[in-house]
Amino acid sequence: MYYAVVKNIEMMGEAANMLTTEFQQAHNETPWKMVKGMRNYIVHEYFQIDSIVVWEVVTKELAPLRAQIEKYISETDWKQWETDLI
């Protein structure tokens, strides 16, 4: 389970890397640099990942991040988003 949690944190960082600078700037209440930094920490320090750091992320950081992401999703005009892709 621990490794699944670590992998999911890594994937969140990857997803954050895919967001445009404009999106990140428009939603600057989210600590994008920290999210992406945690991904880098996991990927590049794999054998030295501190389980205490992972636990801190899980217990203190994920709930606020989830709330922010749910807010962004609910505020998105998906029809406009699809139109912009074309």
PDB file of N, CA and C in Angstrom:
ATOM      1  N   MET A   1       0.830  -1.181   0.000  1.00  0.00           N
ATOM      2  CA  MET A   1       0.000   0.000   0.000  1.00  0.00           C
ATOM      3  C   MET A   1       0.883   1.258   0.000  1.00  0.00           C
ATOM      4  N   TYR A   2       1.966   1.215   0.752  1.00  0.00           N
ATOM      5  CA  TYR A   2       2.874   2.362   0.818  1.00  0.00           C
ATOM      6  C   TYR A   2       3.353   2.757  -0.574  1.00  0.00           C
ATOM      7  N   TYR A   3       3.776   1.773  -1.354  1.00  0.00           N
ATOM      8  CA  TYR A   3       4.298   2.076  -2.682  1.00  0.00           C
ATOM      9  C   TYR A   3       3.205   2.573  -3.627  1.00  0.00           C
ATOM     10  N   ALA A   4       1.988   2.117  -3.442  1.00  0.00           N
ATOM     11  CA  ALA A   4       0.868   2.628  -4.231  1.00  0.00           C
ATOM     12  C   ALA A   4       0.619   4.095  -3.909  1.00  0.00           C
ATOM     13  N   VAL A   5       0.700   4.449  -2.634  1.00  0.00           N
ATOM     14  CA  VAL A   5       0.524   5.850  -2.221  1.00  0.00           C
ATOM     15  C   VAL A   5       1.619   6.710  -2.824  1.00  0.00           C
ATOM     16  N   VAL A   6       2.864   6.245  -2.726  1.00  0.00           N
ATOM     17  CA  VAL A   6       3.995   6.999  -3.273  1.00  0.00           C
ATOM     18  C   VAL A   6       3.826   7.182  -4.776  1.00  0.00           C
ATOM     19  N   LYS A   7       3.439   6.132  -5.462  1.00  0.00           N
ATOM     20  CA  LYS A   7       3.246   6.212  -6.920  1.00  0.00           C
ATOM     21  C   LYS A   7       2.143   7.206  -7.273  1.00  0.00           C
ATOM     22  N   ASN A   8       1.069   7.228  -6.508  1.00  0.00           N
ATOM     23  CA  ASN A   8      -0.013   8.168  -6.782  1.00  0.00           C
ATOM     24  C   ASN A   8       0.419   9.612  -6.528  1.00  0.00           C
ATOM     25  N   ILE A   9       1.221   9.839  -5.509  1.00  0.00           N
ATOM     26  CA  ILE A   9       1.751  11.188  -5.280  1.00  0.00           C
ATOM     27  C   ILE A   9       2.625  11.595  -6.456  1.00  0.00           C
ATOM     28  N   GLU A  10       3.432  10.671  -6.937  1.00  0.00           N
ATOM     29  CA  GLU A  10       4.260  10.932  -8.114  1.00  0.00           C
ATOM     30  C   GLU A  10       3.399  11.303  -9.320  1.00  0.00           C
ATOM     31  N   MET A  11       2.320  10.561  -9.527  1.00  0.00           N
ATOM     32  CA  MET A  11       1.441  10.827 -10.671  1.00  0.00           C
ATOM     33  C   MET A  11       0.760  12.189 -10.558  1.00  0.00           C
ATOM     34  N   MET A  12       0.435  12.616  -9.344  1.00  0.00           N
ATOM     35  CA  MET A  12      -0.141  13.954  -9.175  1.00  0.00           C
ATOM     36  C   MET A  12       0.862  15.024  -9.598  1.00  0.00           C
ATOM     37  N   GLY A  13       2.118  14.812  -9.263  1.00  0.00           N
ATOM     38  CA  GLY A  13       3.156  15.749  -9.690  1.00  0.00           C
ATOM     39  C   GLY A  13       3.313  15.775 -11.197  1.00  0.00           C
ATOM     40  N   GLU A  14       3.229  14.600 -11.811  1.00  0.00           N
ATOM     41  CA  GLU A  14       3.291  14.525 -13.274  1.00  0.00           C
ATOM     42  C   GLU A  14       2.133  15.291 -13.898  1.00  0.00           C
ATOM     43  N   ALA A  15       0.948  15.104 -13.338  1.00  0.00           N
ATOM     44  CA  ALA A  15      -0.227  15.818 -13.861  1.00  0.00           C
ATOM     45  C   ALA A  15      -0.050  17.322 -13.702  1.00  0.00           C
ATOM     46  N   ALA A  16       0.480  17.751 -12.583  1.00  0.00           N
ATOM     47  CA  ALA A  16       0.714  19.183 -12.365  1.00  0.00           C
ATOM     48  C   ALA A  16       1.707  19.726 -13.383  1.00  0.00           C
ATOM     49  N   ASN A  17       2.697  18.916 -13.755  1.00  0.00           N
ATOM     50  CA  ASN A  17       3.665  19.339 -14.775  1.00  0.00           C
ATOM     51  C   ASN A  17       3.014  19.560 -16.126  1.00  0.00           C
ATOM     52  N   MET A  18       1.884  18.917 -16.365  1.00  0.00           N
ATOM     53  CA  MET A  18       1.197  19.022 -17.649  1.00  0.00           C
ATOM     54  C   MET A  18       0.311  20.268 -17.743  1.00  0.00           C
ATOM     55  N   LEU A  19       0.047  20.901 -16.622  1.00  0.00           N
ATOM     56  CA  LEU A  19      -0.812  22.088 -16.622  1.00  0.00           C
ATOM     57  C   LEU A  19      -0.069  23.275 -17.214  1.00  0.00           C
ATOM     58  N   THR A  20      -0.803  24.120 -17.884  1.00  0.00           N
ATOM     59  CA  THR A  20      -0.177  25.305 -18.466  1.00  0.00           C
ATOM     60  C   THR A  20       0.224  26.290 -17.365  1.00  0.00           C
ATOM     61  N   THR A  21       1.178  27.108 -17.686  1.00  0.00           N
ATOM     62  CA  THR A  21       1.600  28.161 -16.762  1.00  0.00           C
ATOM     63  C   THR A  21       0.431  29.085 -16.464  1.00  0.00           C
ATOM     64  N   GLU A  22      -0.382  29.354 -17.480  1.00  0.00           N
ATOM     65  CA  GLU A  22      -1.539  30.231 -17.302  1.00  0.00           C
ATOM     66  C   GLU A  22      -2.519  29.649 -16.281  1.00  0.00           C
ATOM     67  N   PHE A  23      -2.760  28.350 -16.378  1.00  0.00           N
ATOM     68  CA  PHE A  23      -3.672  27.709 -15.433  1.00  0.00           C
ATOM     69  C   PHE A  23      -3.106  27.797 -14.025  1.00  0.00           C
ATOM     70  N   GLN A  24      -1.843  27.484 -13.882  1.00  0.00           N
ATOM     71  CA  GLN A  24      -1.216  27.517 -12.562  1.00  0.00           C
ATOM     72  C   GLN A  24      -1.245  28.932 -11.971  1.00  0.00           C
ATOM     73  N   GLN A  25      -0.993  29.921 -12.791  1.00  0.00           N
ATOM     74  CA  GLN A  25      -1.019  31.302 -12.303  1.00  0.00           C
ATOM     75  C   GLN A  25      -2.432  31.729 -11.934  1.00  0.00           C
ATOM     76  N   ALA A  26      -3.414  31.253 -12.688  1.00  0.00           N
ATOM     77  CA  ALA A  26      -4.812  31.601 -12.398  1.00  0.00           C
ATOM     78  C   ALA A  26      -5.316  30.910 -11.133  1.00  0.00           C
ATOM     79  N   HIS A  27      -4.635  29.856 -10.721  1.00  0.00           N
ATOM     80  CA  HIS A  27      -5.032  29.082  -9.540  1.00  0.00           C
ATOM     81  C   HIS A  27      -3.839  28.990  -8.585  1.00  0.00           C
ATOM     82  N   ASN A  28      -3.342  30.142  -8.229  1.00  0.00           N
ATOM     83  CA  ASN A  28      -2.105  30.188  -7.441  1.00  0.00           C
ATOM     84  C   ASN A  28      -2.292  29.853  -5.964  1.00  0.00           C
ATOM     85  N   GLU A  29      -3.519  29.544  -5.545  1.00  0.00           N
ATOM     86  CA  GLU A  29      -3.721  29.099  -4.161  1.00  0.00           C
ATOM     87  C   GLU A  29      -3.221  27.664  -3.970  1.00  0.00           C
ATOM     88  N   THR A  30      -3.023  26.962  -5.070  1.00  0.00           N
ATOM     89  CA  THR A  30      -2.466  25.618  -5.014  1.00  0.00           C
ATOM     90  C   THR A  30      -0.942  25.724  -5.074  1.00  0.00           C
ATOM     91  N   PRO A  31      -0.254  25.024  -4.200  1.00  0.00           N
ATOM     92  CA  PRO A  31       1.218  25.095  -4.189  1.00  0.00           C
ATOM     93  C   PRO A  31       1.827  24.209  -5.283  1.00  0.00           C
ATOM     94  N   TRP A  32       1.690  24.639  -6.526  1.00  0.00           N
ATOM     95  CA  TRP A  32       2.123  23.833  -7.668  1.00  0.00           C
ATOM     96  C   TRP A  32       3.593  23.461  -7.566  1.00  0.00           C
ATOM     97  N   LYS A  33       4.417  24.384  -7.132  1.00  0.00           N
ATOM     98  CA  LYS A  33       5.857  24.109  -7.028  1.00  0.00           C
ATOM     99  C   LYS A  33       6.113  22.964  -6.049  1.00  0.00           C
ATOM    100  N   MET A  34       5.371  22.939  -4.951  1.00  0.00           N
ATOM    101  CA  MET A  34       5.526  21.861  -3.975  1.00  0.00           C
ATOM    102  C   MET A  34       5.025  20.531  -4.534  1.00  0.00           C
ATOM    103  N   VAL A  35       3.908  20.561  -5.250  1.00  0.00           N
ATOM    104  CA  VAL A  35       3.362  19.336  -5.835  1.00  0.00           C
ATOM    105  C   VAL A  35       4.370  18.747  -6.822  1.00  0.00           C
ATOM    106  N   LYS A  36       4.896  19.598  -7.691  1.00  0.00           N
ATOM    107  CA  LYS A  36       5.871  19.128  -8.677  1.00  0.00           C
ATOM    108  C   LYS A  36       7.192  18.760  -8.009  1.00  0.00           C
ATOM    109  N   GLY A  37       7.552  19.469  -6.976  1.00  0.00           N
ATOM    110  CA  GLY A  37       8.778  19.169  -6.251  1.00  0.00           C
ATOM    111  C   GLY A  37       8.712  17.821  -5.554  1.00  0.00           C
ATOM    112  N   MET A  38       7.555  17.475  -5.025  1.00  0.00           N
ATOM    113  CA  MET A  38       7.398  16.174  -4.385  1.00  0.00           C
ATOM    114  C   MET A  38       7.553  15.068  -5.409  1.00  0.00           C
ATOM    115  N   ARG A  39       7.026  15.279  -6.593  1.00  0.00           N
ATOM    116  CA  ARG A  39       7.203  14.305  -7.680  1.00  0.00           C
ATOM    117  C   ARG A  39       8.684  14.127  -7.964  1.00  0.00           C
ATOM    118  N   ASN A  40       9.402  15.218  -8.078  1.00  0.00           N
ATOM    119  CA  ASN A  40      10.834  15.134  -8.373  1.00  0.00           C
ATOM    120  C   ASN A  40      11.588  14.416  -7.255  1.00  0.00           C
ATOM    121  N   TYR A  41      11.215  14.701  -6.030  1.00  0.00           N
ATOM    122  CA  TYR A  41      11.828  14.047  -4.877  1.00  0.00           C
ATOM    123  C   TYR A  41      11.620  12.534  -4.950  1.00  0.00           C
ATOM    124  N   ILE A  42      10.399  12.119  -5.253  1.00  0.00           N
ATOM    125  CA  ILE A  42      10.087  10.688  -5.323  1.00  0.00           C
ATOM    126  C   ILE A  42      10.851  10.020  -6.470  1.00  0.00           C
ATOM    127  N   VAL A  43      10.869  10.667  -7.621  1.00  0.00           N
ATOM    128  CA  VAL A  43      11.491  10.073  -8.799  1.00  0.00           C
ATOM    129  C   VAL A  43      13.012  10.005  -8.661  1.00  0.00           C
ATOM    130  N   HIS A  44      13.617  11.041  -8.137  1.00  0.00           N
ATOM    131  CA  HIS A  44      15.074  11.113  -8.126  1.00  0.00           C
ATOM    132  C   HIS A  44      15.718  10.616  -6.835  1.00  0.00           C
ATOM    133  N   GLU A  45      14.945  10.462  -5.798  1.00  0.00           N
ATOM    134  CA  GLU A  45      15.490   9.993  -4.522  1.00  0.00           C
ATOM    135  C   GLU A  45      14.789   8.711  -4.088  1.00  0.00           C
ATOM    136  N   TYR A  46      14.422   7.887  -5.057  1.00  0.00           N
ATOM    137  CA  TYR A  46      13.542   6.761  -4.788  1.00  0.00           C
ATOM    138  C   TYR A  46      13.988   5.905  -3.600  1.00  0.00           C
ATOM    139  N   PHE A  47      15.260   5.611  -3.501  1.00  0.00           N
ATOM    140  CA  PHE A  47      15.726   4.731  -2.432  1.00  0.00           C
ATOM    141  C   PHE A  47      15.954   5.471  -1.120  1.00  0.00           C
ATOM    142  N   GLN A  48      15.735   6.767  -1.126  1.00  0.00           N
ATOM    143  CA  GLN A  48      15.934   7.550   0.089  1.00  0.00           C
ATOM    144  C   GLN A  48      14.670   8.311   0.495  1.00  0.00           C
ATOM    145  N   ILE A  49      13.534   7.910  -0.030  1.00  0.00           N
ATOM    146  CA  ILE A  49      12.285   8.589   0.300  1.00  0.00           C
ATOM    147  C   ILE A  49      12.012   8.416   1.787  1.00  0.00           C
ATOM    148  N   ASP A  50      11.739   9.506   2.425  1.00  0.00           N
ATOM    149  CA  ASP A  50      11.472   9.504   3.857  1.00  0.00           C
ATOM    150  C   ASP A  50       9.982   9.219   4.080  1.00  0.00           C
ATOM    151  N   SER A  51       9.680   8.107   4.722  1.00  0.00           N
ATOM    152  CA  SER A  51       8.283   7.742   4.945  1.00  0.00           C
ATOM    153  C   SER A  51       7.566   8.767   5.815  1.00  0.00           C
ATOM    154  N   ILE A  52       8.294   9.482   6.637  1.00  0.00           N
ATOM    155  CA  ILE A  52       7.686  10.532   7.465  1.00  0.00           C
ATOM    156  C   ILE A  52       7.201  11.679   6.581  1.00  0.00           C
ATOM    157  N   VAL A  53       7.980  12.018   5.559  1.00  0.00           N
ATOM    158  CA  VAL A  53       7.569  13.060   4.609  1.00  0.00           C
ATOM    159  C   VAL A  53       6.323  12.611   3.855  1.00  0.00           C
ATOM    160  N   VAL A  54       6.302  11.379   3.416  1.00  0.00           N
ATOM    161  CA  VAL A  54       5.128  10.848   2.711  1.00  0.00           C
ATOM    162  C   VAL A  54       3.910  10.909   3.628  1.00  0.00           C
ATOM    163  N   TRP A  55       4.067  10.517   4.887  1.00  0.00           N
ATOM    164  CA  TRP A  55       2.957  10.536   5.837  1.00  0.00           C
ATOM    165  C   TRP A  55       2.449  11.960   6.052  1.00  0.00           C
ATOM    166  N   GLU A  56       3.346  12.926   6.126  1.00  0.00           N
ATOM    167  CA  GLU A  56       2.948  14.333   6.273  1.00  0.00           C
ATOM    168  C   GLU A  56       2.112  14.779   5.071  1.00  0.00           C
ATOM    169  N   VAL A  57       2.544  14.399   3.887  1.00  0.00           N
ATOM    170  CA  VAL A  57       1.791  14.749   2.678  1.00  0.00           C
ATOM    171  C   VAL A  57       0.395  14.135   2.733  1.00  0.00           C
ATOM    172  N   VAL A  58       0.336  12.868   3.051  1.00  0.00           N
ATOM    173  CA  VAL A  58      -0.946  12.156   3.073  1.00  0.00           C
ATOM    174  C   VAL A  58      -1.885  12.732   4.123  1.00  0.00           C
ATOM    175  N   THR A  59      -1.373  13.007   5.311  1.00  0.00           N
ATOM    176  CA  THR A  59      -2.250  13.416   6.410  1.00  0.00           C
ATOM    177  C   THR A  59      -2.551  14.903   6.449  1.00  0.00           C
ATOM    178  N   LYS A  60      -1.688  15.727   5.834  1.00  0.00           N
ATOM    179  CA  LYS A  60      -1.884  17.182   5.949  1.00  0.00           C
ATOM    180  C   LYS A  60      -2.092  17.904   4.632  1.00  0.00           C
ATOM    181  N   GLU A  61      -1.574  17.376   3.551  1.00  0.00           N
ATOM    182  CA  GLU A  61      -1.582  18.125   2.293  1.00  0.00           C
ATOM    183  C   GLU A  61      -2.621  17.646   1.281  1.00  0.00           C
ATOM    184  N   LEU A  62      -2.956  16.374   1.305  1.00  0.00           N
ATOM    185  CA  LEU A  62      -3.836  15.843   0.261  1.00  0.00           C
ATOM    186  C   LEU A  62      -5.267  16.358   0.341  1.00  0.00           C
ATOM    187  N   ALA A  63      -5.820  16.475   1.530  1.00  0.00           N
ATOM    188  CA  ALA A  63      -7.214  16.933   1.640  1.00  0.00           C
ATOM    189  C   ALA A  63      -7.401  18.344   1.084  1.00  0.00           C
ATOM    190  N   PRO A  64      -6.544  19.311   1.447  1.00  0.00           N
ATOM    191  CA  PRO A  64      -6.702  20.641   0.848  1.00  0.00           C
ATOM    192  C   PRO A  64      -6.475  20.633  -0.665  1.00  0.00           C
ATOM    193  N   LEU A  65      -5.508  19.840  -1.121  1.00  0.00           N
ATOM    194  CA  LEU A  65      -5.249  19.753  -2.556  1.00  0.00           C
ATOM    195  C   LEU A  65      -6.452  19.172  -3.281  1.00  0.00           C
ATOM    196  N   ARG A  66      -7.033  18.140  -2.731  1.00  0.00           N
ATOM    197  CA  ARG A  66      -8.219  17.533  -3.337  1.00  0.00           C
ATOM    198  C   ARG A  66      -9.361  18.543  -3.424  1.00  0.00           C
ATOM    199  N   ALA A  67      -9.584  19.287  -2.361  1.00  0.00           N
ATOM    200  CA  ALA A  67     -10.656  20.287  -2.360  1.00  0.00           C
ATOM    201  C   ALA A  67     -10.423  21.330  -3.449  1.00  0.00           C
ATOM    202  N   GLN A  68      -9.186  21.769  -3.614  1.00  0.00           N
ATOM    203  CA  GLN A  68      -8.878  22.757  -4.645  1.00  0.00           C
ATOM    204  C   GLN A  68      -9.123  22.175  -6.040  1.00  0.00           C
ATOM    205  N   ILE A  69      -8.693  20.954  -6.259  1.00  0.00           N
ATOM    206  CA  ILE A  69      -8.871  20.333  -7.573  1.00  0.00           C
ATOM    207  C   ILE A  69     -10.348  20.107  -7.871  1.00  0.00           C
ATOM    208  N   GLU A  70     -11.100  19.662  -6.882  1.00  0.00           N
ATOM    209  CA  GLU A  70     -12.551  19.491  -7.088  1.00  0.00           C
ATOM    210  C   GLU A  70     -13.204  20.823  -7.439  1.00  0.00           C
ATOM    211  N   LYS A  71     -12.749  21.898  -6.812  1.00  0.00           N
ATOM    212  CA  LYS A  71     -13.277  23.234  -7.122  1.00  0.00           C
ATOM    213  C   LYS A  71     -12.956  23.603  -8.569  1.00  0.00           C
ATOM    214  N   TYR A  72     -11.718  23.356  -9.009  1.00  0.00           N
ATOM    215  CA  TYR A  72     -11.335  23.674 -10.383  1.00  0.00           C
ATOM    216  C   TYR A  72     -12.182  22.882 -11.371  1.00  0.00           C
ATOM    217  N   ILE A  73     -12.402  21.617 -11.072  1.00  0.00           N
ATOM    218  CA  ILE A  73     -13.201  20.774 -11.970  1.00  0.00           C
ATOM    219  C   ILE A  73     -14.637  21.281 -12.044  1.00  0.00           C
ATOM    220  N   SER A  74     -15.196  21.641 -10.895  1.00  0.00           N
ATOM    221  CA  SER A  74     -16.592  22.105 -10.895  1.00  0.00           C
ATOM    222  C   SER A  74     -16.749  23.457 -11.588  1.00  0.00           C
ATOM    223  N   GLU A  75     -15.697  24.261 -11.596  1.00  0.00           N
ATOM    224  CA  GLU A  75     -15.764  25.591 -12.216  1.00  0.00           C
ATOM    225  C   GLU A  75     -15.474  25.558 -13.716  1.00  0.00           C
ATOM    226  N   THR A  76     -15.009  24.441 -14.213  1.00  0.00           N
ATOM    227  CA  THR A  76     -14.618  24.354 -15.614  1.00  0.00           C
ATOM    228  C   THR A  76     -15.842  24.263 -16.515  1.00  0.00           C
ATOM    229  N   ASP A  77     -15.836  25.062 -17.546  1.00  0.00           N
ATOM    230  CA  ASP A  77     -16.865  24.997 -18.587  1.00  0.00           C
ATOM    231  C   ASP A  77     -16.401  23.939 -19.584  1.00  0.00           C
ATOM    232  N   TRP A  78     -16.876  22.707 -19.399  1.00  0.00           N
ATOM    233  CA  TRP A  78     -16.373  21.597 -20.193  1.00  0.00           C
ATOM    234  C   TRP A  78     -16.744  21.715 -21.663  1.00  0.00           C
ATOM    235  N   LYS A  79     -17.882  22.297 -21.985  1.00  0.00           N
ATOM    236  CA  LYS A  79     -18.237  22.484 -23.396  1.00  0.00           C
ATOM    237  C   LYS A  79     -17.264  23.461 -24.057  1.00  0.00           C
ATOM    238  N   GLN A  80     -16.925  24.520 -23.355  1.00  0.00           N
ATOM    239  CA  GLN A  80     -15.952  25.474 -23.886  1.00  0.00           C
ATOM    240  C   GLN A  80     -14.586  24.824 -24.009  1.00  0.00           C
ATOM    241  N   TRP A  81     -14.227  24.030 -23.034  1.00  0.00           N
ATOM    242  CA  TRP A  81     -12.940  23.334 -23.047  1.00  0.00           C
ATOM    243  C   TRP A  81     -12.822  22.437 -24.275  1.00  0.00           C
ATOM    244  N   GLU A  82     -13.898  21.690 -24.561  1.00  0.00           N
ATOM    245  CA  GLU A  82     -13.903  20.816 -25.743  1.00  0.00           C
ATOM    246  C   GLU A  82     -13.826  21.641 -27.024  1.00  0.00           C
ATOM    247  N   THR A  83     -14.511  22.768 -27.055  1.00  0.00           N
ATOM    248  CA  THR A  83     -14.477  23.650 -28.218  1.00  0.00           C
ATOM    249  C   THR A  83     -13.063  24.186 -28.448  1.00  0.00           C
ATOM    250  N   ASP A  84     -12.392  24.542 -27.364  1.00  0.00           N
ATOM    251  CA  ASP A  84     -11.040  25.077 -27.467  1.00  0.00           C
ATOM    252  C   ASP A  84     -10.038  24.045 -28.004  1.00  0.00           C
ATOM    253  N   LEU A  85     -10.341  22.776 -27.801  1.00  0.00           N
ATOM    254  CA  LEU A  85      -9.453  21.726 -28.299  1.00  0.00           C
ATOM    255  C   LEU A  85      -9.496  21.587 -29.808  1.00  0.00           C
ATOM    256  N   ILE A  86     -10.631  21.970 -30.386  1.00  0.00           N
ATOM    257  CA  ILE A  86     -10.822  21.792 -31.843  1.00  0.00           C
ATOM    258  C   ILE A  86     -10.156  22.882 -32.616  1.00  0.00           C
TER     259      ILE A  86
END
